[in-house]
C-alpha atoms as a PDB file:
ATOM      1  CA  MET A   1      69.147 -16.222  48.660  1.00  0.00           C
ATOM      2  CA  LYS A   2      69.145 -16.831  44.891  1.00  0.00           C
ATOM      3  CA  PRO A   3      66.457 -19.326  43.445  1.00  0.00           C
ATOM      4  CA  GLN A   4      68.994 -21.847  42.274  1.00  0.00           C
ATOM      5  CA  HIS A   5      70.546 -21.905  45.833  1.00  0.00           C
ATOM      6  CA  ILE A   6      67.193 -22.463  47.374  1.00  0.00           C
ATOM      7  CA  ASN A   7      66.577 -25.158  44.793  1.00  0.00           C
ATOM      8  CA  ILE A   8      69.571 -27.160  45.883  1.00  0.00           C
ATOM      9  CA  GLU A   9      68.601 -26.819  49.705  1.00  0.00           C
ATOM     10  CA  LEU A  10      65.223 -27.966  48.915  1.00  0.00           C
ATOM     11  CA  GLY A  11      66.418 -30.780  46.868  1.00  0.00           C
ATOM     12  CA  GLU A  12      68.451 -31.952  49.762  1.00  0.00           C
ATOM     13  CA  ILE A  13      65.645 -31.816  52.223  1.00  0.00           C
ATOM     14  CA  VAL A  14      63.264 -33.853  49.970  1.00  0.00           C
ATOM     15  CA  LYS A  15      65.969 -36.441  49.527  1.00  0.00           C
ATOM     16  CA  SER A  16      66.401 -36.722  53.193  1.00  0.00           C
ATOM     17  CA  LEU A  17      62.643 -37.218  53.498  1.00  0.00           C
ATOM     18  CA  GLY A  18      62.901 -40.073  51.176  1.00  0.00           C
ATOM     19  CA  TYR A  19      61.870 -38.684  47.910  1.00  0.00           C
ATOM     20  CA  LYS A  20      63.207 -39.389  44.525  1.00  0.00           C
ATOM     21  CA  VAL A  21      63.223 -36.282  42.224  1.00  0.00           C
ATOM     22  CA  ARG A  22      62.752 -36.778  38.397  1.00  0.00           C
ATOM     23  CA  LYS A  23      62.973 -33.995  35.666  1.00  0.00           C
ATOM     24  CA  ASP A  24      60.920 -35.107  32.687  1.00  0.00           C
ATOM     25  CA  THR A  25      59.623 -33.466  29.812  1.00  0.00           C
ATOM     26  CA  GLY A  26      55.882 -33.468  28.770  1.00  0.00           C
ATOM     27  CA  ASN A  27      52.730 -31.528  28.915  1.00  0.00           C
ATOM     28  CA  PHE A  28      52.193 -31.805  32.787  1.00  0.00           C
ATOM     29  CA  ARG A  29      52.583 -29.627  35.814  1.00  0.00           C
ATOM     30  CA  SER A  30      55.240 -30.590  38.503  1.00  0.00           C
ATOM     31  CA  ASN A  31      53.912 -32.430  41.582  1.00  0.00           C
ATOM     32  CA  ASN A  32      54.641 -35.037  44.109  1.00  0.00           C
ATOM     33  CA  CYS A  33      53.110 -38.518  44.239  1.00  0.00           C
ATOM     34  CA  ILE A  34      53.542 -42.079  45.680  1.00  0.00           C
ATOM     35  CA  ILE A  35      54.229 -44.749  42.977  1.00  0.00           C
ATOM     36  CA  LYS A  36      54.179 -48.273  44.382  1.00  0.00           C
ATOM     37  CA  GLU A  37      54.927 -47.000  47.851  1.00  0.00           C
ATOM     38  CA  GLU A  38      57.854 -45.075  46.510  1.00  0.00           C
ATOM     39  CA  LYS A  39      57.741 -41.194  47.216  1.00  0.00           C
ATOM     40  CA  VAL A  40      58.376 -39.423  43.878  1.00  0.00           C
ATOM     41  CA  ILE A  41      58.550 -35.617  42.909  1.00  0.00           C
ATOM     42  CA  VAL A  42      58.275 -35.139  39.138  1.00  0.00           C
ATOM     43  CA  LEU A  43      59.376 -31.810  37.914  1.00  0.00           C
ATOM     44  CA  ASN A  44      58.733 -30.505  34.428  1.00  0.00           C
ATOM     45  CA  LYS A  45      62.179 -29.949  32.755  1.00  0.00           C
ATOM     46  CA  PHE A  46      61.192 -26.779  31.015  1.00  0.00           C
ATOM     47  CA  ALA A  47      59.372 -25.224  34.088  1.00  0.00           C
ATOM     48  CA  THR A  48      61.160 -22.269  35.870  1.00  0.00           C
ATOM     49  CA  VAL A  49      63.517 -22.870  38.922  1.00  0.00           C
ATOM     50  CA  GLU A  50      60.871 -20.939  40.849  1.00  0.00           C
ATOM     51  CA  SER A  51      58.273 -23.437  39.814  1.00  0.00           C
ATOM     52  CA  HIS A  52      60.267 -26.251  40.919  1.00  0.00           C
ATOM     53  CA  ASN A  53      61.093 -24.578  44.338  1.00  0.00           C
ATOM     54  CA  LYS A  54      57.164 -24.284  44.816  1.00  0.00           C
ATOM     55  CA  THR A  55      56.474 -27.866  44.004  1.00  0.00           C
ATOM     56  CA  LEU A  56      59.454 -29.032  46.304  1.00  0.00           C
ATOM     57  CA  ALA A  57      58.164 -26.763  49.056  1.00  0.00           C
ATOM     58  CA  LYS A  58      54.709 -28.204  48.831  1.00  0.00           C
ATOM     59  CA  ALA A  59      56.065 -31.711  49.244  1.00  0.00           C
ATOM     60  CA  ILE A  60      58.237 -30.604  52.196  1.00  0.00           C
ATOM     61  CA  ASN A  61      55.177 -28.942  53.813  1.00  0.00           C
ATOM     62  CA  GLN A  62      53.372 -32.213  53.684  1.00  0.00           C
ATOM     63  CA  GLU A  63      55.727 -34.016  55.711  1.00  0.00           C
ATOM     64  CA  ASP A  64      56.621 -33.757  59.462  1.00  0.00           C
ATOM     65  CA  ILE A  65      60.019 -31.742  59.499  1.00  0.00           C
ATOM     66  CA  VAL A  66      60.138 -31.049  63.296  1.00  0.00           C
ATOM     67  CA  GLY A  67      63.401 -32.847  63.772  1.00  0.00           C
ATOM     68  CA  ILE A  68      65.074 -31.730  60.642  1.00  0.00           C
ATOM     69  CA  PHE A  69      67.620 -28.945  60.610  1.00  0.00           C
ATOM     70  CA  ILE A  70      66.543 -26.324  57.979  1.00  0.00           C
ATOM     71  CA  LYS A  71      68.464 -23.099  57.422  1.00  0.00           C
ATOM     72  CA  PRO A  72      66.307 -20.118  58.585  1.00  0.00           C
ATOM     73  CA  VAL A  73      66.098 -18.735  55.038  1.00  0.00           C
ATOM     74  CA  ILE A  74      64.818 -21.966  53.836  1.00  0.00           C
ATOM     75  CA  ARG A  75      62.244 -22.131  56.644  1.00  0.00           C
ATOM     76  CA  GLU A  76      61.087 -18.721  55.873  1.00  0.00           C
ATOM     77  CA  PHE A  77      60.644 -19.788  52.083  1.00  0.00           C
ATOM     78  CA  LEU A  78      58.775 -22.867  53.314  1.00  0.00           C
ATOM     79  CA  ASP A  79      56.531 -20.858  55.517  1.00  0.00           C
ATOM     80  CA  SER A  80      55.844 -18.452  52.656  1.00  0.00           C
ATOM     81  CA  GLU A  81      54.765 -21.287  50.459  1.00  0.00           C
ATOM     82  CA  GLU A  82      52.532 -22.939  52.912  1.00  0.00           C
ATOM     83  CA  LYS A  83      49.980 -20.155  52.687  1.00  0.00           C
END
């Protein structure tokens, strides 16, 4: 699966987990955080899709995703990023 397609799938998963995703510019690394009890993932607009995917996977792997349907290829990606 192409990185862009993985990005779309991961984006849908994080939104279903209650995250808001923002793409901003600046001198920072992408990461997830909680701002005033709101779960936010901030992605550096100029980072690569692969970098965005790693950041989204990191946030997903911190959550309980047992009851969520995730395509097998996306689960494999999440498992590979967990290590």
